[in-house]
Protein backbone atom coordinates (compact mmCIF):
# COMPACT_ATOMS: atom_id res chain seq x y z
CA MET A 1 -33.99 14.64 27.60
CA GLN A 2 -35.64 14.11 23.44
CA PRO A 3 -35.14 10.61 22.41
CA LEU A 4 -32.65 11.00 18.91
CA HIS A 5 -34.74 9.75 17.44
CA GLN A 6 -37.87 12.86 17.32
CA GLY A 7 -36.12 16.03 15.76
CA VAL A 8 -33.67 14.62 13.61
CA THR A 9 -36.58 14.84 10.53
CA ARG A 10 -37.32 18.73 11.17
CA GLN A 11 -34.08 20.16 9.96
CA LYS A 12 -35.01 22.33 7.52
CA GLN A 13 -31.89 22.22 5.19
CA ASN A 14 -31.33 19.02 3.03
CA VAL A 15 -28.59 17.80 5.66
CA ASP A 16 -28.33 14.40 2.85
CA GLN A 17 -27.51 17.06 0.18
CA ASP A 18 -25.08 19.04 2.63
CA ALA A 19 -23.49 16.59 4.14
CA GLY A 20 -22.31 14.61 0.72
CA LEU A 21 -24.83 11.03 1.47
CA PRO A 22 -24.34 8.77 0.13
CA GLY A 23 -20.94 8.17 1.21
CA GLY A 24 -18.81 11.07 0.45
CA GLU A 25 -15.90 11.89 1.31
CA PHE A 26 -16.42 14.92 2.71
CA PHE A 27 -19.72 12.77 5.08
CA PHE A 28 -17.05 11.08 6.19
CA THR A 29 -14.49 13.99 6.61
CA ALA A 30 -17.51 15.62 8.52
CA LEU A 31 -18.42 12.64 10.39
CA LYS A 32 -14.99 11.73 12.48
CA THR A 33 -15.68 16.00 13.32
CA PRO A 34 -16.85 15.56 15.26
CA ASP A 35 -19.97 17.58 12.86
CA LEU A 36 -23.96 17.19 14.16
CA LEU A 37 -26.08 18.42 11.12
CA ALA A 38 -23.66 15.03 9.68
CA PHE A 39 -24.29 13.08 12.14
CA LYS A 40 -27.86 14.24 12.14
CA ALA A 41 -28.49 12.38 8.56
CA LEU A 42 -26.54 9.17 9.56
CA TYR A 43 -29.23 9.26 11.99
CA LYS A 44 -32.34 10.11 9.02
CA LYS A 45 -30.34 7.79 6.28
CA TYR A 46 -29.58 4.47 8.45
CA SER A 47 -32.08 4.58 11.81
CA PRO A 48 -35.10 3.20 10.00
CA ALA A 49 -33.10 0.12 8.69
CA VAL A 50 -31.68 -0.69 11.88
CA TYR A 51 -34.93 0.65 13.63
CA GLY A 52 -36.25 -2.63 10.98
CA ASN A 53 -33.35 -4.93 12.53
CA ILE A 54 -33.93 -3.85 16.37
CA ILE A 55 -37.30 -4.40 16.59
CA ARG A 56 -37.51 -7.52 14.42
CA SER A 57 -35.63 -9.15 17.78
CA VAL A 58 -36.75 -7.51 20.70
CA LYS A 59 -40.66 -6.73 19.79
CA GLU A 60 -40.94 -4.63 22.31
CA GLU A 61 -41.46 -0.94 20.97
CA GLU A 62 -39.36 0.74 24.06
CA LYS A 63 -37.47 -1.05 24.41
CA ALA A 64 -36.18 -1.37 20.74
CA LYS A 65 -35.64 2.52 20.83
CA LEU A 66 -34.28 2.22 23.99
CA ILE A 67 -31.37 0.03 21.66
CA LEU A 68 -31.30 2.38 19.31
CA GLU A 69 -31.00 5.03 20.53
CA LYS A 70 -27.86 3.93 22.41
CA THR A 71 -27.08 1.67 18.76
CA PHE A 72 -26.27 6.00 17.76
CA CYS A 73 -24.47 7.18 20.35
CA GLU A 74 -21.83 4.23 20.22
CA ALA A 75 -22.02 4.95 17.07
CA TRP A 76 -20.88 8.84 17.65
CA GLN A 77 -19.11 7.41 20.18
CA TYR A 78 -16.47 4.96 18.09
CA PHE A 79 -17.03 7.35 14.24
CA SER A 80 -13.04 7.60 14.06
CA GLN A 81 -12.31 4.15 14.71
CA PHE A 82 -14.18 3.75 11.15
CA ASP A 83 -13.06 2.79 8.41
CA ASN A 84 -15.34 2.33 4.79
CA THR A 85 -12.62 1.00 3.20
CA LYS A 86 -13.46 -2.57 5.39
CA LEU A 87 -17.22 -2.03 6.52
CA ARG A 88 -19.93 -0.11 4.49
CA ILE A 89 -20.73 2.22 7.09
CA PHE A 90 -25.17 0.29 7.70
CA THR A 91 -23.61 -2.79 8.43
CA TRP A 92 -20.70 -1.07 10.91
CA ILE A 93 -23.12 0.07 13.01
CA ASN A 94 -25.66 -2.76 12.56
CA GLN A 95 -22.97 -4.53 14.17
CA PHE A 96 -23.72 -1.90 17.27
CA ALA A 97 -27.44 -3.19 17.13
CA VAL A 98 -26.24 -6.45 17.87
CA GLN A 99 -23.95 -6.35 20.46
CA ASN A 100 -26.78 -4.08 22.06
CA ILE A 101 -29.46 -5.96 21.79
CA LYS A 102 -27.58 -9.29 23.06
CA LYS A 103 -26.65 -6.99 25.91
CA TYR A 104 -31.09 -5.38 26.86
CA ASN A 105 -32.84 -8.52 25.70
CA LEU A 106 -32.22 -10.36 28.81
């Protein structure tokens, strides 16, 4: 199985522009569909910052990569519940990261 963090940068078309980043209504609608291109754009935009938060807490690269993957899998699974009028998307994703850090950093 290829990790989520690989392959995302190989996207040929400008996904950011097509998905309406950052935070346009089209982008959120596409993510709730769920749309794989929109999710890849989300991952490309936010995974470096989320990974930075994770690695500062975990301090082990392999564990941090696992937590990052679990975090974005959960974001993908629960995106239909995301309300962009209540939280910024980075904050929402980072909440999954914090929960996963607690769960996997025993």
